[in-house]
């Protein structure tokens, strides 16, 4: 399984060295990029609030200060 690339290893910013599932199908004419770590909790909080929900910077600051939302500082 590991030899066929179905299990790959990667470094995660908070979890350390982890094994993750590899691609289910591998084509001879295409070489996929290596695995990338999933986001840590809160990694995209500000981006979602600003870009998706159109919250102002002042509102985002209030939400962060009141701990209603969290932004990860792990990266």
PDB file of N, CA and C in Angstrom:
ATOM      1  N   UNK A   1       0.838  -1.187   0.000  1.00  0.00           N
ATOM      2  CA  UNK A   1       0.000   0.000   0.000  1.00  0.00           C
ATOM      3  C   UNK A   1       0.884   1.252   0.000  1.00  0.00           C
ATOM      4  N   UNK A   2       1.870   1.290   0.867  1.00  0.00           N
ATOM      5  CA  UNK A   2       2.764   2.456   0.920  1.00  0.00           C
ATOM      6  C   UNK A   2       3.591   2.544  -0.366  1.00  0.00           C
ATOM      7  N   UNK A   3       4.065   1.395  -0.864  1.00  0.00           N
ATOM      8  CA  UNK A   3       4.867   1.357  -2.089  1.00  0.00           C
ATOM      9  C   UNK A   3       4.083   1.906  -3.285  1.00  0.00           C
ATOM     10  N   UNK A   4       2.787   1.643  -3.335  1.00  0.00           N
ATOM     11  CA  UNK A   4       1.948   2.117  -4.437  1.00  0.00           C
ATOM     12  C   UNK A   4       1.520   3.573  -4.273  1.00  0.00           C
ATOM     13  N   UNK A   5       1.910   4.220  -3.201  1.00  0.00           N
ATOM     14  CA  UNK A   5       1.583   5.628  -2.987  1.00  0.00           C
ATOM     15  C   UNK A   5       0.204   5.869  -2.406  1.00  0.00           C
ATOM     16  N   UNK A   6      -0.456   4.798  -1.941  1.00  0.00           N
ATOM     17  CA  UNK A   6      -1.785   4.977  -1.363  1.00  0.00           C
ATOM     18  C   UNK A   6      -1.716   5.589   0.028  1.00  0.00           C
ATOM     19  N   UNK A   7      -0.576   5.463   0.680  1.00  0.00           N
ATOM     20  CA  UNK A   7      -0.326   6.136   1.958  1.00  0.00           C
ATOM     21  C   UNK A   7       0.912   7.005   1.758  1.00  0.00           C
ATOM     22  N   UNK A   8       0.790   8.284   2.044  1.00  0.00           N
ATOM     23  CA  UNK A   8       1.914   9.204   1.924  1.00  0.00           C
ATOM     24  C   UNK A   8       2.145   9.884   3.262  1.00  0.00           C
ATOM     25  N   UNK A   9       3.339  10.389   3.446  1.00  0.00           N
ATOM     26  CA  UNK A   9       3.673  11.070   4.696  1.00  0.00           C
ATOM     27  C   UNK A   9       3.942  12.539   4.419  1.00  0.00           C
ATOM     28  N   UNK A  10       3.633  13.356   5.409  1.00  0.00           N
ATOM     29  CA  UNK A  10       3.848  14.794   5.278  1.00  0.00           C
ATOM     30  C   UNK A  10       4.033  15.407   6.653  1.00  0.00           C
ATOM     31  N   UNK A  11       4.535  16.616   6.685  1.00  0.00           N
ATOM     32  CA  UNK A  11       4.672  17.358   7.935  1.00  0.00           C
ATOM     33  C   UNK A  11       3.515  18.334   8.054  1.00  0.00           C
ATOM     34  N   UNK A  12       2.865  18.317   9.215  1.00  0.00           N
ATOM     35  CA  UNK A  12       1.746  19.221   9.494  1.00  0.00           C
ATOM     36  C   UNK A  12       2.238  20.263  10.496  1.00  0.00           C
ATOM     37  N   UNK A  13       1.836  21.541  10.347  1.00  0.00           N
ATOM     38  CA  UNK A  13       2.366  22.594  11.220  1.00  0.00           C
ATOM     39  C   UNK A  13       2.063  22.413  12.700  1.00  0.00           C
ATOM     40  N   UNK A  14       0.974  21.725  13.057  1.00  0.00           N
ATOM     41  CA  UNK A  14       0.668  21.541  14.475  1.00  0.00           C
ATOM     42  C   UNK A  14       0.665  20.082  14.901  1.00  0.00           C
ATOM     43  N   UNK A  15       0.429  19.152  13.979  1.00  0.00           N
ATOM     44  CA  UNK A  15       0.348  17.728  14.327  1.00  0.00           C
ATOM     45  C   UNK A  15       1.667  16.999  14.134  1.00  0.00           C
ATOM     46  N   UNK A  16       2.642  17.639  13.497  1.00  0.00           N
ATOM     47  CA  UNK A  16       3.924  16.988  13.257  1.00  0.00           C
ATOM     48  C   UNK A  16       3.883  16.109  12.014  1.00  0.00           C
ATOM     49  N   UNK A  17       4.641  15.025  12.036  1.00  0.00           N
ATOM     50  CA  UNK A  17       4.747  14.116  10.890  1.00  0.00           C
ATOM     51  C   UNK A  17       3.541  13.177  10.893  1.00  0.00           C
ATOM     52  N   UNK A  18       2.755  13.166   9.810  1.00  0.00           N
ATOM     53  CA  UNK A  18       1.534  12.355   9.750  1.00  0.00           C
ATOM     54  C   UNK A  18       1.457  11.585   8.437  1.00  0.00           C
ATOM     55  N   UNK A  19       0.728  10.469   8.469  1.00  0.00           N
ATOM     56  CA  UNK A  19       0.437   9.691   7.267  1.00  0.00           C
ATOM     57  C   UNK A  19      -0.943  10.093   6.767  1.00  0.00           C
ATOM     58  N   UNK A  20      -1.055  10.267   5.455  1.00  0.00           N
ATOM     59  CA  UNK A  20      -2.324  10.674   4.850  1.00  0.00           C
ATOM     60  C   UNK A  20      -2.606   9.800   3.631  1.00  0.00           C
ATOM     61  N   UNK A  21      -3.887   9.685   3.251  1.00  0.00           N
ATOM     62  CA  UNK A  21      -4.198   8.917   2.044  1.00  0.00           C
ATOM     63  C   UNK A  21      -3.620   9.592   0.807  1.00  0.00           C
ATOM     64  N   UNK A  22      -3.061   8.806  -0.078  1.00  0.00           N
ATOM     65  CA  UNK A  22      -2.558   9.313  -1.349  1.00  0.00           C
ATOM     66  C   UNK A  22      -3.659   9.311  -2.391  1.00  0.00           C
ATOM     67  N   UNK A  23      -3.325   9.651  -3.632  1.00  0.00           N
ATOM     68  CA  UNK A  23      -4.337   9.659  -4.687  1.00  0.00           C
ATOM     69  C   UNK A  23      -4.842   8.246  -4.971  1.00  0.00           C
ATOM     70  N   UNK A  24      -6.138   8.119  -5.238  1.00  0.00           N
ATOM     71  CA  UNK A  24      -6.734   6.812  -5.508  1.00  0.00           C
ATOM     72  C   UNK A  24      -6.326   6.283  -6.878  1.00  0.00           C
ATOM     73  N   UNK A  25      -6.079   7.177  -7.818  1.00  0.00           N
ATOM     74  CA  UNK A  25      -5.708   6.786  -9.177  1.00  0.00           C
ATOM     75  C   UNK A  25      -4.438   7.533  -9.548  1.00  0.00           C
ATOM     76  N   UNK A  26      -3.507   6.836 -10.167  1.00  0.00           N
ATOM     77  CA  UNK A  26      -2.263   7.460 -10.612  1.00  0.00           C
ATOM     78  C   UNK A  26      -2.128   7.215 -12.111  1.00  0.00           C
ATOM     79  N   UNK A  27      -1.963   8.273 -12.888  1.00  0.00           N
ATOM     80  CA  UNK A  27      -1.825   8.177 -14.334  1.00  0.00           C
ATOM     81  C   UNK A  27      -0.358   8.287 -14.718  1.00  0.00           C
ATOM     82  N   UNK A  28       0.063   7.545 -15.740  1.00  0.00           N
ATOM     83  CA  UNK A  28       1.464   7.564 -16.155  1.00  0.00           C
ATOM     84  C   UNK A  28       1.861   8.906 -16.759  1.00  0.00           C
ATOM     85  N   UNK A  29       0.915   9.644 -17.320  1.00  0.00           N
ATOM     86  CA  UNK A  29       1.237  10.918 -17.965  1.00  0.00           C
ATOM     87  C   UNK A  29       1.043  12.124 -17.047  1.00  0.00           C
ATOM     88  N   UNK A  30       0.686  11.874 -15.800  1.00  0.00           N
ATOM     89  CA  UNK A  30       0.425  12.977 -14.874  1.00  0.00           C
ATOM     90  C   UNK A  30       1.000  12.625 -13.514  1.00  0.00           C
ATOM     91  N   UNK A  31       1.790  13.516 -12.981  1.00  0.00           N
ATOM     92  CA  UNK A  31       2.379  13.298 -11.665  1.00  0.00           C
ATOM     93  C   UNK A  31       1.789  14.316 -10.689  1.00  0.00           C
ATOM     94  N   UNK A  32       0.936  13.864  -9.760  1.00  0.00           N
ATOM     95  CA  UNK A  32       0.327  14.820  -8.825  1.00  0.00           C
ATOM     96  C   UNK A  32       1.364  15.405  -7.874  1.00  0.00           C
ATOM     97  N   UNK A  33       1.092  16.601  -7.418  1.00  0.00           N
ATOM     98  CA  UNK A  33       1.954  17.228  -6.410  1.00  0.00           C
ATOM     99  C   UNK A  33       1.851  16.432  -5.118  1.00  0.00           C
ATOM    100  N   UNK A  34       2.828  16.565  -4.274  1.00  0.00           N
ATOM    101  CA  UNK A  34       2.798  15.876  -2.990  1.00  0.00           C
ATOM    102  C   UNK A  34       1.665  16.385  -2.123  1.00  0.00           C
ATOM    103  N   UNK A  35       1.376  15.670  -1.059  1.00  0.00           N
ATOM    104  CA  UNK A  35       0.268  16.083  -0.194  1.00  0.00           C
ATOM    105  C   UNK A  35       0.565  17.413   0.495  1.00  0.00           C
ATOM    106  N   UNK A  36      -0.468  18.165   0.714  1.00  0.00           N
ATOM    107  CA  UNK A  36      -0.346  19.416   1.457  1.00  0.00           C
ATOM    108  C   UNK A  36      -1.174  19.296   2.728  1.00  0.00           C
ATOM    109  N   UNK A  37      -0.759  19.941   3.796  1.00  0.00           N
ATOM    110  CA  UNK A  37      -1.484  19.783   5.062  1.00  0.00           C
ATOM    111  C   UNK A  37      -2.860  20.438   5.016  1.00  0.00           C
ATOM    112  N   UNK A  38      -3.812  19.852   5.728  1.00  0.00           N
ATOM    113  CA  UNK A  38      -5.118  20.497   5.831  1.00  0.00           C
ATOM    114  C   UNK A  38      -4.987  21.756   6.682  1.00  0.00           C
ATOM    115  N   UNK A  39      -5.925  22.670   6.565  1.00  0.00           N
ATOM    116  CA  UNK A  39      -5.842  23.889   7.373  1.00  0.00           C
ATOM    117  C   UNK A  39      -6.005  23.579   8.859  1.00  0.00           C
ATOM    118  N   UNK A  40      -5.363  24.377   9.682  1.00  0.00           N
ATOM    119  CA  UNK A  40      -5.553  24.249  11.126  1.00  0.00           C
ATOM    120  C   UNK A  40      -6.830  24.998  11.502  1.00  0.00           C
ATOM    121  N   UNK A  41      -7.392  24.667  12.644  1.00  0.00           N
ATOM    122  CA  UNK A  41      -8.637  25.304  13.075  1.00  0.00           C
ATOM    123  C   UNK A  41      -8.429  26.814  13.179  1.00  0.00           C
ATOM    124  N   UNK A  42      -9.275  27.566  12.525  1.00  0.00           N
ATOM    125  CA  UNK A  42      -9.204  29.022  12.560  1.00  0.00           C
ATOM    126  C   UNK A  42      -8.272  29.637  11.538  1.00  0.00           C
ATOM    127  N   UNK A  43      -7.664  28.823  10.683  1.00  0.00           N
ATOM    128  CA  UNK A  43      -6.683  29.350   9.739  1.00  0.00           C
ATOM    129  C   UNK A  43      -7.293  30.360   8.764  1.00  0.00           C
ATOM    130  N   UNK A  44      -8.518  30.151   8.351  1.00  0.00           N
ATOM    131  CA  UNK A  44      -9.139  31.019   7.351  1.00  0.00           C
ATOM    132  C   UNK A  44     -10.279  31.876   7.904  1.00  0.00           C
ATOM    133  N   UNK A  45     -10.334  32.029   9.218  1.00  0.00           N
ATOM    134  CA  UNK A  45     -11.442  32.758   9.837  1.00  0.00           C
ATOM    135  C   UNK A  45     -11.597  34.167   9.275  1.00  0.00           C
ATOM    136  N   UNK A  46     -10.542  34.947   9.310  1.00  0.00           N
ATOM    137  CA  UNK A  46     -10.626  36.339   8.860  1.00  0.00           C
ATOM    138  C   UNK A  46     -10.947  36.395   7.365  1.00  0.00           C
ATOM    139  N   UNK A  47     -10.342  35.528   6.587  1.00  0.00           N
ATOM    140  CA  UNK A  47     -10.594  35.494   5.146  1.00  0.00           C
ATOM    141  C   UNK A  47     -12.072  35.223   4.852  1.00  0.00           C
ATOM    142  N   UNK A  48     -12.673  34.263   5.547  1.00  0.00           N
ATOM    143  CA  UNK A  48     -14.091  33.943   5.331  1.00  0.00           C
ATOM    144  C   UNK A  48     -14.980  35.097   5.781  1.00  0.00           C
ATOM    145  N   UNK A  49     -14.686  35.656   6.952  1.00  0.00           N
ATOM    146  CA  UNK A  49     -15.502  36.768   7.446  1.00  0.00           C
ATOM    147  C   UNK A  49     -15.446  37.966   6.499  1.00  0.00           C
ATOM    148  N   UNK A  50     -14.263  38.265   5.993  1.00  0.00           N
ATOM    149  CA  UNK A  50     -14.092  39.438   5.134  1.00  0.00           C
ATOM    150  C   UNK A  50     -14.584  39.157   3.705  1.00  0.00           C
ATOM    151  N   UNK A  51     -14.075  38.093   3.087  1.00  0.00           N
ATOM    152  CA  UNK A  51     -14.320  37.870   1.659  1.00  0.00           C
ATOM    153  C   UNK A  51     -15.666  37.218   1.358  1.00  0.00           C
ATOM    154  N   UNK A  52     -16.102  36.306   2.207  1.00  0.00           N
ATOM    155  CA  UNK A  52     -17.350  35.589   1.943  1.00  0.00           C
ATOM    156  C   UNK A  52     -18.547  36.283   2.574  1.00  0.00           C
ATOM    157  N   UNK A  53     -18.377  36.745   3.811  1.00  0.00           N
ATOM    158  CA  UNK A  53     -19.498  37.346   4.538  1.00  0.00           C
ATOM    159  C   UNK A  53     -19.502  38.870   4.502  1.00  0.00           C
ATOM    160  N   UNK A  54     -18.468  39.464   3.904  1.00  0.00           N
ATOM    161  CA  UNK A  54     -18.357  40.925   3.741  1.00  0.00           C
ATOM    162  C   UNK A  54     -18.366  41.685   5.062  1.00  0.00           C
ATOM    163  N   UNK A  55     -17.787  41.108   6.118  1.00  0.00           N
ATOM    164  CA  UNK A  55     -17.686  41.805   7.400  1.00  0.00           C
ATOM    165  C   UNK A  55     -16.579  42.855   7.308  1.00  0.00           C
ATOM    166  N   UNK A  56     -16.778  43.962   7.981  1.00  0.00           N
ATOM    167  CA  UNK A  56     -15.760  45.014   8.005  1.00  0.00           C
ATOM    168  C   UNK A  56     -14.631  44.609   8.953  1.00  0.00           C
ATOM    169  N   UNK A  57     -13.491  45.262   8.797  1.00  0.00           N
ATOM    170  CA  UNK A  57     -12.351  44.978   9.676  1.00  0.00           C
ATOM    171  C   UNK A  57     -12.685  45.282  11.132  1.00  0.00           C
ATOM    172  N   UNK A  58     -13.486  46.325  11.366  1.00  0.00           N
ATOM    173  CA  UNK A  58     -13.873  46.669  12.742  1.00  0.00           C
ATOM    174  C   UNK A  58     -14.711  45.564  13.378  1.00  0.00           C
ATOM    175  N   UNK A  59     -15.663  45.023  12.633  1.00  0.00           N
ATOM    176  CA  UNK A  59     -16.505  43.939  13.153  1.00  0.00           C
ATOM    177  C   UNK A  59     -15.661  42.692  13.397  1.00  0.00           C
ATOM    178  N   UNK A  60     -14.767  42.385  12.471  1.00  0.00           N
ATOM    179  CA  UNK A  60     -13.897  41.212  12.633  1.00  0.00           C
ATOM    180  C   UNK A  60     -13.039  41.370  13.881  1.00  0.00           C
ATOM    181  N   UNK A  61     -12.496  42.563  14.089  1.00  0.00           N
ATOM    182  CA  UNK A  61     -11.684  42.824  15.282  1.00  0.00           C
ATOM    183  C   UNK A  61     -12.502  42.614  16.551  1.00  0.00           C
ATOM    184  N   UNK A  62     -13.740  43.107  16.561  1.00  0.00           N
ATOM    185  CA  UNK A  62     -14.617  42.918  17.727  1.00  0.00           C
ATOM    186  C   UNK A  62     -14.886  41.435  17.977  1.00  0.00           C
ATOM    187  N   UNK A  63     -15.160  40.687  16.918  1.00  0.00           N
ATOM    188  CA  UNK A  63     -15.429  39.253  17.063  1.00  0.00           C
ATOM    189  C   UNK A  63     -14.211  38.512  17.615  1.00  0.00           C
ATOM    190  N   UNK A  64     -13.027  38.865  17.126  1.00  0.00           N
ATOM    191  CA  UNK A  64     -11.799  38.230  17.618  1.00  0.00           C
ATOM    192  C   UNK A  64     -11.540  38.596  19.080  1.00  0.00           C
ATOM    193  N   UNK A  65     -11.685  39.876  19.421  1.00  0.00           N
ATOM    194  CA  UNK A  65     -11.430  40.322  20.792  1.00  0.00           C
ATOM    195  C   UNK A  65     -12.423  39.734  21.788  1.00  0.00           C
ATOM    196  N   UNK A  66     -13.670  39.538  21.359  1.00  0.00           N
ATOM    197  CA  UNK A  66     -14.678  38.959  22.255  1.00  0.00           C
ATOM    198  C   UNK A  66     -14.602  37.432  22.297  1.00  0.00           C
ATOM    199  N   UNK A  67     -13.712  36.872  21.489  1.00  0.00           N
ATOM    200  CA  UNK A  67     -13.516  35.420  21.382  1.00  0.00           C
ATOM    201  C   UNK A  67     -14.748  34.697  20.845  1.00  0.00           C
ATOM    202  N   UNK A  68     -15.582  35.431  20.100  1.00  0.00           N
ATOM    203  CA  UNK A  68     -16.708  34.802  19.412  1.00  0.00           C
ATOM    204  C   UNK A  68     -16.203  33.948  18.254  1.00  0.00           C
ATOM    205  N   UNK A  69     -15.051  34.344  17.686  1.00  0.00           N
ATOM    206  CA  UNK A  69     -14.368  33.571  16.649  1.00  0.00           C
ATOM    207  C   UNK A  69     -12.891  33.521  17.014  1.00  0.00           C
ATOM    208  N   UNK A  70     -12.174  32.623  16.377  1.00  0.00           N
ATOM    209  CA  UNK A  70     -10.737  32.499  16.644  1.00  0.00           C
ATOM    210  C   UNK A  70      -9.976  32.472  15.330  1.00  0.00           C
ATOM    211  N   UNK A  71      -8.793  33.023  15.362  1.00  0.00           N
ATOM    212  CA  UNK A  71      -7.881  32.987  14.223  1.00  0.00           C
ATOM    213  C   UNK A  71      -6.635  32.249  14.673  1.00  0.00           C
ATOM    214  N   UNK A  72      -6.216  31.269  13.905  1.00  0.00           N
ATOM    215  CA  UNK A  72      -5.042  30.484  14.275  1.00  0.00           C
ATOM    216  C   UNK A  72      -3.768  31.294  14.085  1.00  0.00           C
ATOM    217  N   UNK A  73      -2.879  31.201  15.047  1.00  0.00           N
ATOM    218  CA  UNK A  73      -1.559  31.822  14.946  1.00  0.00           C
ATOM    219  C   UNK A  73      -0.487  30.760  14.737  1.00  0.00           C
ATOM    220  N   UNK A  74      -0.907  29.516  14.447  1.00  0.00           N
ATOM    221  CA  UNK A  74       0.031  28.397  14.350  1.00  0.00           C
ATOM    222  C   UNK A  74       0.940  28.494  13.142  1.00  0.00           C
ATOM    223  N   UNK A  75       0.540  29.272  12.137  1.00  0.00           N
ATOM    224  CA  UNK A  75       1.349  29.335  10.926  1.00  0.00           C
ATOM    225  C   UNK A  75       2.133  30.558  10.955  1.00  0.00           C
TER     226      UNK A  75
END
